[in-house]
C-alpha cells in the first residue's frame, strides 16, 4: 500500500503504455492490411518482390 501511495500514477502510466502498444499494433496492422489489399489488386502477387527490386536495376 505504501508503494501505491508513493506512486499514484503507476496505474495510469501502465494503462497509458498498454494503450500505446495497442495503438502501435493497430496502426502497423492497418498499414500491413492496406499493403495486402494493394498487392491483391495486382494480378500476380509474385511480382511484388520483383517490383521492389526493379527500381534498383532501373537506376543502374
PDB file of N, CA and C in Angstrom:
ATOM      1  N   UNK A   1       0.842  -1.201   0.000  1.00  0.00           N
ATOM      2  CA  UNK A   1       0.000   0.000   0.000  1.00  0.00           C
ATOM      3  C   UNK A   1       0.877   1.251   0.000  1.00  0.00           C
ATOM      4  N   UNK A   2       2.066   1.154   0.650  1.00  0.00           N
ATOM      5  CA  UNK A   2       2.957   2.319   0.692  1.00  0.00           C
ATOM      6  C   UNK A   2       3.443   2.664  -0.712  1.00  0.00           C
ATOM      7  N   UNK A   3       3.720   1.642  -1.512  1.00  0.00           N
ATOM      8  CA  UNK A   3       4.189   1.894  -2.879  1.00  0.00           C
ATOM      9  C   UNK A   3       3.076   2.551  -3.686  1.00  0.00           C
ATOM     10  N   UNK A   4       1.834   2.097  -3.463  1.00  0.00           N
ATOM     11  CA  UNK A   4       0.709   2.690  -4.189  1.00  0.00           C
ATOM     12  C   UNK A   4       0.539   4.160  -3.792  1.00  0.00           C
ATOM     13  N   UNK A   5       0.759   4.457  -2.510  1.00  0.00           N
ATOM     14  CA  UNK A   5       0.608   5.842  -2.067  1.00  0.00           C
ATOM     15  C   UNK A   5       1.720   6.715  -2.645  1.00  0.00           C
ATOM     16  N   UNK A   6       2.921   6.153  -2.785  1.00  0.00           N
ATOM     17  CA  UNK A   6       4.041   6.934  -3.316  1.00  0.00           C
ATOM     18  C   UNK A   6       3.902   7.121  -4.831  1.00  0.00           C
ATOM     19  N   UNK A   7       3.345   6.135  -5.515  1.00  0.00           N
ATOM     20  CA  UNK A   7       3.193   6.218  -6.973  1.00  0.00           C
ATOM     21  C   UNK A   7       1.722   6.098  -7.361  1.00  0.00           C
ATOM     22  N   UNK A   8       0.940   7.160  -7.154  1.00  0.00           N
ATOM     23  CA  UNK A   8      -0.488   7.091  -7.516  1.00  0.00           C
ATOM     24  C   UNK A   8      -0.686   7.022  -9.028  1.00  0.00           C
ATOM     25  N   UNK A   9       0.341   7.410  -9.789  1.00  0.00           N
ATOM     26  CA  UNK A   9       0.212   7.421 -11.244  1.00  0.00           C
ATOM     27  C   UNK A   9       0.716   6.130 -11.883  1.00  0.00           C
ATOM     28  N   UNK A  10       1.146   5.160 -11.064  1.00  0.00           N
ATOM     29  CA  UNK A  10       1.687   3.920 -11.618  1.00  0.00           C
ATOM     30  C   UNK A  10       0.638   3.225 -12.483  1.00  0.00           C
ATOM     31  N   UNK A  11      -0.602   3.171 -11.984  1.00  0.00           N
ATOM     32  CA  UNK A  11      -1.667   2.514 -12.750  1.00  0.00           C
ATOM     33  C   UNK A  11      -1.938   3.287 -14.037  1.00  0.00           C
ATOM     34  N   UNK A  12      -1.972   4.619 -13.942  1.00  0.00           N
ATOM     35  CA  UNK A  12      -2.236   5.433 -15.133  1.00  0.00           C
ATOM     36  C   UNK A  12      -1.122   5.253 -16.159  1.00  0.00           C
ATOM     37  N   UNK A  13       0.125   5.203 -15.679  1.00  0.00           N
ATOM     38  CA  UNK A  13       1.257   5.018 -16.604  1.00  0.00           C
ATOM     39  C   UNK A  13       1.162   3.639 -17.254  1.00  0.00           C
ATOM     40  N   UNK A  14       0.824   2.631 -16.455  1.00  0.00           N
ATOM     41  CA  UNK A  14       0.693   1.277 -17.006  1.00  0.00           C
ATOM     42  C   UNK A  14      -0.394   1.217 -18.066  1.00  0.00           C
ATOM     43  N   UNK A  15      -1.533   1.849 -17.781  1.00  0.00           N
ATOM     44  CA  UNK A  15      -2.613   1.866 -18.776  1.00  0.00           C
ATOM     45  C   UNK A  15      -2.182   2.638 -20.016  1.00  0.00           C
ATOM     46  N   UNK A  16      -1.474   3.737 -19.828  1.00  0.00           N
ATOM     47  CA  UNK A  16      -1.023   4.532 -20.973  1.00  0.00           C
ATOM     48  C   UNK A  16      -0.082   3.738 -21.862  1.00  0.00           C
ATOM     49  N   UNK A  17       0.848   3.017 -21.240  1.00  0.00           N
ATOM     50  CA  UNK A  17       1.788   2.210 -22.026  1.00  0.00           C
ATOM     51  C   UNK A  17       1.046   1.104 -22.760  1.00  0.00           C
ATOM     52  N   UNK A  18       0.112   0.445 -22.055  1.00  0.00           N
ATOM     53  CA  UNK A  18      -0.618  -0.658 -22.692  1.00  0.00           C
ATOM     54  C   UNK A  18      -1.441  -0.149 -23.871  1.00  0.00           C
ATOM     55  N   UNK A  19      -2.115   0.995 -23.682  1.00  0.00           N
ATOM     56  CA  UNK A  19      -2.912   1.547 -24.789  1.00  0.00           C
ATOM     57  C   UNK A  19      -2.006   2.032 -25.915  1.00  0.00           C
ATOM     58  N   UNK A  20      -0.833   2.544 -25.569  1.00  0.00           N
ATOM     59  CA  UNK A  20       0.110   2.981 -26.598  1.00  0.00           C
ATOM     60  C   UNK A  20       0.576   1.813 -27.447  1.00  0.00           C
ATOM     61  N   UNK A  21       0.884   0.685 -26.781  1.00  0.00           N
ATOM     62  CA  UNK A  21       1.313  -0.508 -27.524  1.00  0.00           C
ATOM     63  C   UNK A  21       0.176  -1.000 -28.403  1.00  0.00           C
ATOM     64  N   UNK A  22      -1.042  -1.015 -27.855  1.00  0.00           N
ATOM     65  CA  UNK A  22      -2.194  -1.446 -28.661  1.00  0.00           C
ATOM     66  C   UNK A  22      -2.375  -0.520 -29.856  1.00  0.00           C
ATOM     67  N   UNK A  23      -2.172   0.772 -29.653  1.00  0.00           N
ATOM     68  CA  UNK A  23      -2.299   1.729 -30.753  1.00  0.00           C
ATOM     69  C   UNK A  23      -1.277   1.448 -31.847  1.00  0.00           C
ATOM     70  N   UNK A  24      -0.037   1.167 -31.443  1.00  0.00           N
ATOM     71  CA  UNK A  24       1.004   0.860 -32.439  1.00  0.00           C
ATOM     72  C   UNK A  24       0.648  -0.410 -33.199  1.00  0.00           C
ATOM     73  N   UNK A  25       0.144  -1.427 -32.474  1.00  0.00           N
ATOM     74  CA  UNK A  25      -0.227  -2.685 -33.135  1.00  0.00           C
ATOM     75  C   UNK A  25      -1.345  -2.430 -34.140  1.00  0.00           C
ATOM     76  N   UNK A  26      -2.319  -1.598 -33.758  1.00  0.00           N
ATOM     77  CA  UNK A  26      -3.437  -1.308 -34.669  1.00  0.00           C
ATOM     78  C   UNK A  26      -2.935  -0.548 -35.893  1.00  0.00           C
ATOM     79  N   UNK A  27      -2.037   0.421 -35.683  1.00  0.00           N
ATOM     80  CA  UNK A  27      -1.515   1.208 -36.815  1.00  0.00           C
ATOM     81  C   UNK A  27      -0.714   0.310 -37.754  1.00  0.00           C
ATOM     82  N   UNK A  28       0.195  -0.508 -37.177  1.00  0.00           N
ATOM     83  CA  UNK A  28       1.009  -1.398 -38.017  1.00  0.00           C
ATOM     84  C   UNK A  28       0.111  -2.399 -38.730  1.00  0.00           C
ATOM     85  N   UNK A  29      -0.881  -2.943 -38.013  1.00  0.00           N
ATOM     86  CA  UNK A  29      -1.813  -3.884 -38.639  1.00  0.00           C
ATOM     87  C   UNK A  29      -2.577  -3.235 -39.773  1.00  0.00           C
ATOM     88  N   UNK A  30      -2.989  -1.986 -39.593  1.00  0.00           N
ATOM     89  CA  UNK A  30      -3.714  -1.284 -40.660  1.00  0.00           C
ATOM     90  C   UNK A  30      -2.832  -1.065 -41.876  1.00  0.00           C
ATOM     91  N   UNK A  31      -1.564  -0.705 -41.651  1.00  0.00           N
ATOM     92  CA  UNK A  31      -0.646  -0.488 -42.781  1.00  0.00           C
ATOM     93  C   UNK A  31      -0.433  -1.800 -43.529  1.00  0.00           C
ATOM     94  N   UNK A  32      -0.198  -2.889 -42.780  1.00  0.00           N
ATOM     95  CA  UNK A  32       0.012  -4.186 -43.435  1.00  0.00           C
ATOM     96  C   UNK A  32      -1.249  -4.606 -44.174  1.00  0.00           C
ATOM     97  N   UNK A  33      -2.427  -4.314 -43.584  1.00  0.00           N
ATOM     98  CA  UNK A  33      -3.689  -4.683 -44.232  1.00  0.00           C
ATOM     99  C   UNK A  33      -3.848  -3.931 -45.546  1.00  0.00           C
ATOM    100  N   UNK A  34      -3.502  -2.633 -45.552  1.00  0.00           N
ATOM    101  CA  UNK A  34      -3.617  -1.856 -46.788  1.00  0.00           C
ATOM    102  C   UNK A  34      -2.629  -2.365 -47.829  1.00  0.00           C
ATOM    103  N   UNK A  35      -1.424  -2.742 -47.395  1.00  0.00           N
ATOM    104  CA  UNK A  35      -0.433  -3.261 -48.341  1.00  0.00           C
ATOM    105  C   UNK A  35      -0.919  -4.572 -48.941  1.00  0.00           C
ATOM    106  N   UNK A  36      -1.569  -5.412 -48.130  1.00  0.00           N
ATOM    107  CA  UNK A  36      -2.085  -6.681 -48.650  1.00  0.00           C
ATOM    108  C   UNK A  36      -3.192  -6.415 -49.663  1.00  0.00           C
ATOM    109  N   UNK A  37      -4.035  -5.409 -49.400  1.00  0.00           N
ATOM    110  CA  UNK A  37      -5.109  -5.086 -50.355  1.00  0.00           C
ATOM    111  C   UNK A  37      -4.505  -4.588 -51.668  1.00  0.00           C
ATOM    112  N   UNK A  38      -3.444  -3.784 -51.589  1.00  0.00           N
ATOM    113  CA  UNK A  38      -2.812  -3.278 -52.808  1.00  0.00           C
ATOM    114  C   UNK A  38      -2.173  -4.424 -53.582  1.00  0.00           C
ATOM    115  N   UNK A  39      -1.531  -5.359 -52.865  1.00  0.00           N
ATOM    116  CA  UNK A  39      -0.872  -6.476 -53.543  1.00  0.00           C
ATOM    117  C   UNK A  39      -1.916  -7.385 -54.189  1.00  0.00           C
ATOM    118  N   UNK A  40      -3.091  -7.508 -53.544  1.00  0.00           N
ATOM    119  CA  UNK A  40      -4.143  -8.345 -54.132  1.00  0.00           C
ATOM    120  C   UNK A  40      -4.674  -7.709 -55.411  1.00  0.00           C
ATOM    121  N   UNK A  41      -4.606  -6.376 -55.510  1.00  0.00           N
ATOM    122  CA  UNK A  41      -5.084  -5.701 -56.710  1.00  0.00           C
ATOM    123  C   UNK A  41      -4.208  -6.073 -57.906  1.00  0.00           C
ATOM    124  N   UNK A  42      -2.925  -6.395 -57.625  1.00  0.00           N
ATOM    125  CA  UNK A  42      -2.024  -6.808 -58.709  1.00  0.00           C
ATOM    126  C   UNK A  42      -2.377  -8.245 -59.107  1.00  0.00           C
ATOM    127  N   UNK A  43      -2.506  -8.536 -60.405  1.00  0.00           N
ATOM    128  CA  UNK A  43      -2.887  -9.886 -60.842  1.00  0.00           C
ATOM    129  C   UNK A  43      -1.924 -10.950 -60.329  1.00  0.00           C
ATOM    130  N   UNK A  44      -0.616 -10.673 -60.352  1.00  0.00           N
ATOM    131  CA  UNK A  44       0.358 -11.673 -59.913  1.00  0.00           C
ATOM    132  C   UNK A  44       1.084 -11.169 -58.673  1.00  0.00           C
ATOM    133  N   UNK A  45       0.749 -11.695 -57.480  1.00  0.00           N
ATOM    134  CA  UNK A  45       1.408 -11.254 -56.244  1.00  0.00           C
ATOM    135  C   UNK A  45       2.903 -11.548 -56.249  1.00  0.00           C
ATOM    136  N   UNK A  46       3.357 -12.508 -57.063  1.00  0.00           N
ATOM    137  CA  UNK A  46       4.773 -12.870 -57.075  1.00  0.00           C
ATOM    138  C   UNK A  46       5.624 -11.708 -57.574  1.00  0.00           C
ATOM    139  N   UNK A  47       5.020 -10.770 -58.327  1.00  0.00           N
ATOM    140  CA  UNK A  47       5.769  -9.628 -58.844  1.00  0.00           C
ATOM    141  C   UNK A  47       5.957  -8.556 -57.772  1.00  0.00           C
ATOM    142  N   UNK A  48       5.396  -8.766 -56.568  1.00  0.00           N
ATOM    143  CA  UNK A  48       5.549  -7.769 -55.516  1.00  0.00           C
ATOM    144  C   UNK A  48       7.007  -7.577 -55.147  1.00  0.00           C
ATOM    145  N   UNK A  49       7.744  -8.675 -54.948  1.00  0.00           N
ATOM    146  CA  UNK A  49       9.160  -8.554 -54.601  1.00  0.00           C
ATOM    147  C   UNK A  49       9.945  -8.062 -55.809  1.00  0.00           C
ATOM    148  N   UNK A  50       9.595  -8.500 -56.994  1.00  0.00           N
ATOM    149  CA  UNK A  50      10.300  -8.055 -58.197  1.00  0.00           C
ATOM    150  C   UNK A  50      10.076  -6.564 -58.397  1.00  0.00           C
ATOM    151  N   UNK A  51       8.876  -6.071 -58.063  1.00  0.00           N
ATOM    152  CA  UNK A  51       8.588  -4.652 -58.218  1.00  0.00           C
ATOM    153  C   UNK A  51       9.459  -3.817 -57.289  1.00  0.00           C
ATOM    154  N   UNK A  52       9.803  -4.375 -56.111  1.00  0.00           N
ATOM    155  CA  UNK A  52      10.659  -3.637 -55.191  1.00  0.00           C
ATOM    156  C   UNK A  52      12.105  -3.661 -55.677  1.00  0.00           C
ATOM    157  N   UNK A  53      12.488  -4.711 -56.408  1.00  0.00           N
ATOM    158  CA  UNK A  53      13.867  -4.826 -56.873  1.00  0.00           C
ATOM    159  C   UNK A  53      14.077  -4.104 -58.197  1.00  0.00           C
ATOM    160  N   UNK A  54      13.022  -3.927 -58.988  1.00  0.00           N
ATOM    161  CA  UNK A  54      13.170  -3.306 -60.306  1.00  0.00           C
ATOM    162  C   UNK A  54      13.727  -1.884 -60.246  1.00  0.00           C
ATOM    163  N   UNK A  55      13.270  -1.022 -59.330  1.00  0.00           N
ATOM    164  CA  UNK A  55      13.796   0.354 -59.323  1.00  0.00           C
ATOM    165  C   UNK A  55      15.311   0.396 -59.165  1.00  0.00           C
ATOM    166  N   UNK A  56      15.885  -0.550 -58.404  1.00  0.00           N
ATOM    167  CA  UNK A  56      17.340  -0.543 -58.227  1.00  0.00           C
ATOM    168  C   UNK A  56      18.012  -0.864 -59.561  1.00  0.00           C
ATOM    169  N   UNK A  57      17.445  -1.775 -60.317  1.00  0.00           N
ATOM    170  CA  UNK A  57      18.028  -2.098 -61.620  1.00  0.00           C
ATOM    171  C   UNK A  57      17.812  -0.947 -62.600  1.00  0.00           C
ATOM    172  N   UNK A  58      16.677  -0.247 -62.469  1.00  0.00           N
ATOM    173  CA  UNK A  58      16.400   0.857 -63.391  1.00  0.00           C
ATOM    174  C   UNK A  58      17.384   2.004 -63.158  1.00  0.00           C
ATOM    175  N   UNK A  59      17.742   2.267 -61.896  1.00  0.00           N
ATOM    176  CA  UNK A  59      18.675   3.361 -61.617  1.00  0.00           C
ATOM    177  C   UNK A  59      20.057   3.012 -62.155  1.00  0.00           C
ATOM    178  N   UNK A  60      20.414   1.738 -62.157  1.00  0.00           N
ATOM    179  CA  UNK A  60      21.706   1.327 -62.715  1.00  0.00           C
ATOM    180  C   UNK A  60      21.601   1.346 -64.229  1.00  0.00           C
TER     181      UNK A  60
END
